[in-house]
């Protein structure tokens, strides 16, 4: 069992920055690929970014160049640094953990889908005003 707790969501003006954090507890954090997803009102949950056990990263096209995902295995924490925020980034942001059997067992297409992620946080609200 893995417990995930997100923090850092806030109301921010367009063009601003936020850093989301996701603290994990339970199983060995370093054995999991971690992902960030988001869900806006009336829309389906969508992929934002993922980071593998060996720190390979992959981003949705809509956030590439603006968002950065990182992890600190010593602190059992994954981060999402969001720059140049836009009103369309407004959503509840969810952290998720997916078992990754080995460091080399990683696929961008696989870990950009919700399916592999067995553990989810409760979400944190990000609101970007224009």
N, C-alpha and C. Protein backbone atom coordinates (compact mmCIF):
# COMPACT_ATOMS: atom_id res chain seq x y z
N UNK A 1 0.84 -1.19 0.00
CA UNK A 1 0.00 0.00 0.00
C UNK A 1 0.88 1.26 0.00
N UNK A 2 0.50 2.23 -0.81
CA UNK A 2 1.20 3.50 -0.89
C UNK A 2 0.19 4.60 -0.63
N UNK A 3 0.54 5.49 0.27
CA UNK A 3 -0.30 6.66 0.53
C UNK A 3 0.37 7.88 -0.08
N UNK A 4 -0.43 8.69 -0.75
CA UNK A 4 0.07 9.88 -1.44
C UNK A 4 -0.69 11.11 -0.96
N UNK A 5 0.04 12.16 -0.64
CA UNK A 5 -0.58 13.41 -0.19
C UNK A 5 0.01 14.56 -0.98
N UNK A 6 -0.84 15.23 -1.76
CA UNK A 6 -0.40 16.38 -2.54
C UNK A 6 -0.53 17.66 -1.73
N UNK A 7 0.28 18.64 -2.10
CA UNK A 7 0.18 19.97 -1.51
C UNK A 7 0.74 20.98 -2.50
N UNK A 8 0.47 22.24 -2.23
CA UNK A 8 1.03 23.31 -3.05
C UNK A 8 0.07 23.98 -4.00
N UNK A 9 -1.13 23.45 -4.13
CA UNK A 9 -2.11 24.09 -5.00
C UNK A 9 -2.52 25.45 -4.46
N UNK A 10 -2.87 26.36 -5.37
CA UNK A 10 -3.21 27.72 -4.96
C UNK A 10 -3.87 28.45 -6.11
N UNK A 11 -4.30 29.67 -5.81
CA UNK A 11 -4.79 30.61 -6.82
C UNK A 11 -3.60 31.46 -7.25
N UNK A 12 -3.36 31.53 -8.56
CA UNK A 12 -2.22 32.27 -9.07
C UNK A 12 -2.63 32.99 -10.35
N UNK A 13 -1.98 34.09 -10.63
CA UNK A 13 -2.27 34.83 -11.86
C UNK A 13 -1.58 34.19 -13.05
N UNK A 14 -2.15 34.40 -14.20
CA UNK A 14 -1.55 33.88 -15.43
C UNK A 14 -0.12 34.40 -15.55
N UNK A 15 0.76 33.51 -15.98
CA UNK A 15 2.17 33.84 -16.07
C UNK A 15 2.96 33.51 -14.83
N UNK A 16 2.27 33.19 -13.77
CA UNK A 16 2.94 32.86 -12.52
C UNK A 16 3.42 31.43 -12.45
N UNK A 17 3.94 31.08 -11.27
CA UNK A 17 4.52 29.75 -11.06
C UNK A 17 4.00 29.14 -9.77
N UNK A 18 3.99 27.82 -9.75
CA UNK A 18 3.66 27.06 -8.55
C UNK A 18 4.51 25.81 -8.54
N UNK A 19 4.78 25.30 -7.34
CA UNK A 19 5.41 23.99 -7.22
C UNK A 19 4.51 23.09 -6.39
N UNK A 20 4.06 22.03 -7.00
CA UNK A 20 3.28 21.02 -6.28
C UNK A 20 4.22 19.96 -5.71
N UNK A 21 3.84 19.45 -4.56
CA UNK A 21 4.59 18.37 -3.92
C UNK A 21 3.66 17.20 -3.67
N UNK A 22 4.22 16.02 -3.68
CA UNK A 22 3.46 14.81 -3.38
C UNK A 22 4.34 13.93 -2.49
N UNK A 23 3.92 13.81 -1.25
CA UNK A 23 4.66 13.01 -0.29
C UNK A 23 4.09 11.59 -0.25
N UNK A 24 4.97 10.62 -0.36
CA UNK A 24 4.55 9.22 -0.38
C UNK A 24 4.99 8.50 0.88
N UNK A 25 4.18 7.56 1.30
CA UNK A 25 4.53 6.71 2.44
C UNK A 25 4.03 5.31 2.15
N UNK A 26 4.63 4.35 2.85
CA UNK A 26 4.21 2.96 2.66
C UNK A 26 5.32 2.14 2.04
N UNK A 27 5.13 1.73 0.81
CA UNK A 27 6.11 0.88 0.13
C UNK A 27 7.34 1.70 -0.28
N UNK A 28 8.33 1.02 -0.84
CA UNK A 28 9.57 1.66 -1.25
C UNK A 28 9.32 2.60 -2.41
N UNK A 29 9.43 3.89 -2.13
CA UNK A 29 9.10 4.94 -3.11
C UNK A 29 9.93 4.79 -4.38
N UNK A 30 11.19 4.44 -4.24
CA UNK A 30 12.09 4.40 -5.40
C UNK A 30 11.73 3.29 -6.38
N UNK A 31 10.86 2.38 -6.01
CA UNK A 31 10.45 1.29 -6.91
C UNK A 31 9.27 1.66 -7.80
N UNK A 32 8.80 2.89 -7.69
CA UNK A 32 7.60 3.29 -8.40
C UNK A 32 7.90 4.39 -9.42
N UNK A 33 7.26 4.28 -10.58
CA UNK A 33 7.15 5.43 -11.47
C UNK A 33 6.06 6.34 -10.90
N UNK A 34 6.28 7.63 -11.02
CA UNK A 34 5.33 8.59 -10.47
C UNK A 34 4.76 9.46 -11.58
N UNK A 35 3.51 9.82 -11.43
CA UNK A 35 2.87 10.64 -12.44
C UNK A 35 2.03 11.74 -11.85
N UNK A 36 1.83 12.77 -12.64
CA UNK A 36 0.88 13.83 -12.31
C UNK A 36 -0.19 13.84 -13.40
N UNK A 37 -1.43 13.89 -12.96
CA UNK A 37 -2.58 14.01 -13.84
C UNK A 37 -3.41 15.20 -13.35
N UNK A 38 -4.32 15.67 -14.19
CA UNK A 38 -5.18 16.77 -13.78
C UNK A 38 -6.57 16.58 -14.35
N UNK A 39 -7.54 17.19 -13.67
CA UNK A 39 -8.92 17.11 -14.12
C UNK A 39 -9.58 18.45 -13.92
N UNK A 40 -10.01 19.03 -15.02
CA UNK A 40 -10.75 20.30 -14.99
C UNK A 40 -12.24 20.01 -14.90
N UNK A 41 -13.03 20.95 -14.41
CA UNK A 41 -14.48 20.73 -14.29
C UNK A 41 -15.10 20.35 -15.64
N UNK A 42 -15.88 19.29 -15.63
CA UNK A 42 -16.56 18.85 -16.84
C UNK A 42 -15.69 18.13 -17.84
N UNK A 43 -14.43 17.88 -17.49
CA UNK A 43 -13.52 17.22 -18.41
C UNK A 43 -12.98 15.94 -17.79
N UNK A 44 -12.46 15.08 -18.66
CA UNK A 44 -11.86 13.85 -18.17
C UNK A 44 -10.47 14.13 -17.59
N UNK A 45 -10.04 13.20 -16.74
CA UNK A 45 -8.70 13.30 -16.19
C UNK A 45 -7.68 13.14 -17.31
N UNK A 46 -6.66 14.00 -17.31
CA UNK A 46 -5.67 13.94 -18.37
C UNK A 46 -4.25 13.87 -17.80
N UNK A 47 -3.39 13.27 -18.57
CA UNK A 47 -1.99 13.10 -18.21
C UNK A 47 -1.27 14.45 -18.26
N UNK A 48 -0.35 14.66 -17.31
CA UNK A 48 0.46 15.87 -17.28
C UNK A 48 1.95 15.51 -17.46
N UNK A 49 2.46 14.66 -16.57
CA UNK A 49 3.89 14.32 -16.61
C UNK A 49 4.13 13.04 -15.85
N UNK A 50 5.22 12.37 -16.18
CA UNK A 50 5.61 11.17 -15.46
C UNK A 50 7.13 11.12 -15.34
N UNK A 51 7.59 10.45 -14.29
CA UNK A 51 9.02 10.26 -14.06
C UNK A 51 9.25 8.82 -13.65
N UNK A 52 10.25 8.20 -14.24
CA UNK A 52 10.52 6.79 -13.99
C UNK A 52 11.42 6.60 -12.77
N UNK A 53 11.67 5.36 -12.45
CA UNK A 53 12.58 5.03 -11.35
C UNK A 53 13.98 5.58 -11.61
N UNK A 54 14.37 5.65 -12.87
CA UNK A 54 15.71 6.14 -13.22
C UNK A 54 15.67 7.58 -13.71
N UNK A 55 14.62 8.30 -13.37
CA UNK A 55 14.48 9.74 -13.63
C UNK A 55 14.24 10.10 -15.09
N UNK A 56 13.82 9.15 -15.90
CA UNK A 56 13.36 9.52 -17.24
C UNK A 56 12.03 10.24 -17.10
N UNK A 57 11.85 11.30 -17.88
CA UNK A 57 10.63 12.10 -17.78
C UNK A 57 9.92 12.18 -19.12
N UNK A 58 8.62 12.42 -19.02
CA UNK A 58 7.79 12.54 -20.23
C UNK A 58 6.65 13.48 -19.89
N UNK A 59 6.30 14.35 -20.85
CA UNK A 59 5.31 15.39 -20.60
C UNK A 59 4.22 15.39 -21.67
N UNK A 60 3.06 15.85 -21.26
CA UNK A 60 2.01 16.14 -22.23
C UNK A 60 2.46 17.33 -23.06
N UNK A 61 2.04 17.34 -24.32
CA UNK A 61 2.44 18.44 -25.21
C UNK A 61 2.00 19.80 -24.67
N UNK A 62 0.87 19.82 -24.00
CA UNK A 62 0.31 21.09 -23.52
C UNK A 62 1.14 21.74 -22.42
N UNK A 63 2.01 20.97 -21.78
CA UNK A 63 2.81 21.52 -20.67
C UNK A 63 4.30 21.47 -20.94
N UNK A 64 4.70 20.84 -22.02
CA UNK A 64 6.11 20.68 -22.33
C UNK A 64 6.80 22.05 -22.44
N UNK A 65 7.93 22.18 -21.76
CA UNK A 65 8.65 23.44 -21.77
C UNK A 65 8.23 24.39 -20.67
N UNK A 66 7.10 24.11 -20.02
CA UNK A 66 6.62 24.97 -18.93
C UNK A 66 6.66 24.25 -17.58
N UNK A 67 6.39 22.95 -17.59
CA UNK A 67 6.34 22.16 -16.35
C UNK A 67 7.57 21.26 -16.26
N UNK A 68 8.00 21.01 -15.03
CA UNK A 68 9.12 20.10 -14.78
C UNK A 68 8.77 19.16 -13.64
N UNK A 69 8.86 17.87 -13.90
CA UNK A 69 8.63 16.87 -12.87
C UNK A 69 9.99 16.40 -12.34
N UNK A 70 10.06 16.18 -11.04
CA UNK A 70 11.30 15.69 -10.43
C UNK A 70 10.93 14.86 -9.21
N UNK A 71 11.90 14.12 -8.72
CA UNK A 71 11.65 13.29 -7.53
C UNK A 71 12.87 13.33 -6.62
N UNK A 72 12.61 13.18 -5.33
CA UNK A 72 13.66 13.08 -4.32
C UNK A 72 13.39 11.80 -3.54
N UNK A 73 14.11 10.75 -3.88
CA UNK A 73 13.85 9.47 -3.25
C UNK A 73 14.19 9.48 -1.76
N UNK A 74 15.13 10.31 -1.36
CA UNK A 74 15.48 10.39 0.06
C UNK A 74 14.33 10.98 0.88
N UNK A 75 13.52 11.81 0.23
CA UNK A 75 12.38 12.44 0.92
C UNK A 75 11.06 11.80 0.54
N UNK A 76 11.10 10.76 -0.31
CA UNK A 76 9.86 10.11 -0.75
C UNK A 76 8.87 11.11 -1.33
N UNK A 77 9.37 12.01 -2.14
CA UNK A 77 8.55 13.09 -2.65
C UNK A 77 8.76 13.30 -4.14
N UNK A 78 7.68 13.57 -4.83
CA UNK A 78 7.74 13.95 -6.24
C UNK A 78 7.18 15.37 -6.36
N UNK A 79 7.78 16.13 -7.26
CA UNK A 79 7.42 17.54 -7.41
C UNK A 79 6.93 17.81 -8.84
N UNK A 80 6.15 18.86 -8.96
CA UNK A 80 5.78 19.37 -10.28
C UNK A 80 5.94 20.88 -10.22
N UNK A 81 6.98 21.38 -10.88
CA UNK A 81 7.21 22.81 -10.98
C UNK A 81 6.48 23.32 -12.22
N UNK A 82 5.60 24.28 -12.01
CA UNK A 82 4.77 24.79 -13.10
C UNK A 82 5.08 26.26 -13.32
N UNK A 83 5.61 26.58 -14.47
CA UNK A 83 5.92 27.96 -14.85
C UNK A 83 5.00 28.43 -15.97
N UNK A 84 4.97 29.73 -16.16
CA UNK A 84 4.17 30.33 -17.24
C UNK A 84 2.75 29.77 -17.25
N UNK A 85 2.14 29.77 -16.11
CA UNK A 85 0.82 29.18 -15.99
C UNK A 85 -0.22 29.93 -16.81
N UNK A 86 -1.17 29.17 -17.34
CA UNK A 86 -2.24 29.70 -18.17
C UNK A 86 -3.58 29.37 -17.53
N UNK A 87 -4.62 30.14 -17.82
CA UNK A 87 -5.95 29.81 -17.27
C UNK A 87 -6.38 28.38 -17.60
N UNK A 88 -5.99 27.87 -18.74
CA UNK A 88 -6.37 26.50 -19.11
C UNK A 88 -5.64 25.43 -18.29
N UNK A 89 -4.69 25.83 -17.46
CA UNK A 89 -4.05 24.90 -16.53
C UNK A 89 -4.89 24.69 -15.27
N UNK A 90 -5.94 25.45 -15.12
CA UNK A 90 -6.81 25.33 -13.95
C UNK A 90 -7.41 23.94 -13.87
N UNK A 91 -7.21 23.27 -12.74
CA UNK A 91 -7.68 21.90 -12.57
C UNK A 91 -7.33 21.42 -11.17
N UNK A 92 -7.88 20.27 -10.82
CA UNK A 92 -7.39 19.54 -9.65
C UNK A 92 -6.25 18.66 -10.14
N UNK A 93 -5.12 18.75 -9.48
CA UNK A 93 -3.93 17.99 -9.87
C UNK A 93 -3.76 16.80 -8.93
N UNK A 94 -3.57 15.64 -9.54
CA UNK A 94 -3.45 14.40 -8.79
C UNK A 94 -2.07 13.79 -9.00
N UNK A 95 -1.51 13.31 -7.91
CA UNK A 95 -0.28 12.55 -7.94
C UNK A 95 -0.65 11.07 -7.95
N UNK A 96 0.15 10.26 -8.65
CA UNK A 96 -0.14 8.83 -8.73
C UNK A 96 1.16 8.03 -8.77
N UNK A 97 1.08 6.80 -8.27
CA UNK A 97 2.23 5.90 -8.23
C UNK A 97 1.91 4.62 -8.98
N UNK A 98 2.87 4.18 -9.80
CA UNK A 98 2.70 2.95 -10.58
C UNK A 98 3.90 2.04 -10.35
N UNK A 99 3.63 0.79 -10.09
CA UNK A 99 4.73 -0.16 -9.94
C UNK A 99 5.55 -0.22 -11.23
N UNK A 100 6.86 -0.17 -11.07
CA UNK A 100 7.77 -0.30 -12.21
C UNK A 100 8.73 -1.43 -11.87
N UNK A 101 8.55 -2.60 -12.47
CA UNK A 101 9.27 -3.81 -12.05
C UNK A 101 10.79 -3.68 -12.05
N UNK A 102 11.35 -2.90 -12.96
CA UNK A 102 12.80 -2.74 -13.04
C UNK A 102 13.10 -1.38 -13.65
N UNK A 103 14.27 -0.81 -13.36
CA UNK A 103 14.58 0.53 -13.90
C UNK A 103 14.46 0.62 -15.41
N UNK A 104 14.80 -0.44 -16.12
CA UNK A 104 14.74 -0.42 -17.58
C UNK A 104 13.37 -0.72 -18.15
N UNK A 105 12.46 -1.11 -17.28
CA UNK A 105 11.10 -1.46 -17.73
C UNK A 105 10.27 -0.20 -17.70
N UNK A 106 10.37 0.59 -18.77
CA UNK A 106 9.68 1.88 -18.80
C UNK A 106 9.31 2.23 -20.22
N UNK A 107 8.09 2.74 -20.36
CA UNK A 107 7.59 3.17 -21.66
C UNK A 107 6.80 4.45 -21.47
N UNK A 108 7.11 5.48 -22.24
CA UNK A 108 6.37 6.73 -22.15
C UNK A 108 4.88 6.51 -22.41
N UNK A 109 4.58 5.75 -23.43
CA UNK A 109 3.17 5.56 -23.80
C UNK A 109 2.41 4.82 -22.71
N UNK A 110 3.08 3.88 -22.05
CA UNK A 110 2.41 3.11 -21.00
C UNK A 110 2.18 3.96 -19.76
N UNK A 111 3.18 4.66 -19.32
CA UNK A 111 3.07 5.40 -18.07
C UNK A 111 2.42 6.77 -18.23
N UNK A 112 2.01 7.13 -19.44
CA UNK A 112 1.23 8.34 -19.63
C UNK A 112 -0.27 8.07 -19.60
N UNK A 113 -0.63 6.82 -19.35
CA UNK A 113 -2.04 6.47 -19.21
C UNK A 113 -2.36 6.22 -17.74
N UNK A 114 -3.60 6.42 -17.31
CA UNK A 114 -3.96 6.20 -15.89
C UNK A 114 -3.88 4.73 -15.48
N UNK A 115 -4.00 3.83 -16.44
CA UNK A 115 -4.15 2.41 -16.13
C UNK A 115 -3.09 1.82 -15.21
N UNK A 116 -1.79 2.10 -15.41
CA UNK A 116 -0.79 1.45 -14.56
C UNK A 116 -0.76 1.96 -13.12
N UNK A 117 -1.38 3.10 -12.87
CA UNK A 117 -1.25 3.75 -11.57
C UNK A 117 -2.26 3.18 -10.58
N UNK A 118 -1.72 2.43 -9.62
CA UNK A 118 -2.58 1.80 -8.64
C UNK A 118 -2.86 2.64 -7.41
N UNK A 119 -2.13 3.71 -7.25
CA UNK A 119 -2.28 4.55 -6.07
C UNK A 119 -2.40 6.00 -6.49
N UNK A 120 -3.36 6.68 -5.87
CA UNK A 120 -3.67 8.07 -6.20
C UNK A 120 -3.81 8.89 -4.93
N UNK A 121 -3.40 10.17 -5.03
CA UNK A 121 -3.63 11.10 -3.95
C UNK A 121 -5.03 11.69 -4.04
N UNK A 122 -5.32 12.59 -3.11
CA UNK A 122 -6.66 13.16 -3.03
C UNK A 122 -6.81 14.38 -3.94
N UNK A 123 -5.71 14.90 -4.44
CA UNK A 123 -5.75 16.03 -5.36
C UNK A 123 -5.52 17.36 -4.67
N UNK A 124 -5.01 18.31 -5.44
CA UNK A 124 -4.82 19.67 -4.95
C UNK A 124 -5.26 20.63 -6.05
N UNK A 125 -6.00 21.67 -5.66
CA UNK A 125 -6.60 22.59 -6.62
C UNK A 125 -5.60 23.64 -7.07
N UNK A 126 -5.49 23.80 -8.38
CA UNK A 126 -4.71 24.88 -8.98
C UNK A 126 -5.67 25.74 -9.79
N UNK A 127 -5.72 27.02 -9.49
CA UNK A 127 -6.57 27.94 -10.22
C UNK A 127 -5.72 29.07 -10.75
N UNK A 128 -5.81 29.28 -12.07
CA UNK A 128 -5.02 30.32 -12.72
C UNK A 128 -5.98 31.38 -13.24
N UNK A 129 -5.85 32.58 -12.74
CA UNK A 129 -6.73 33.68 -13.14
C UNK A 129 -6.10 34.45 -14.30
N UNK A 130 -6.98 34.96 -15.15
CA UNK A 130 -6.49 35.70 -16.33
C UNK A 130 -6.33 37.18 -16.03
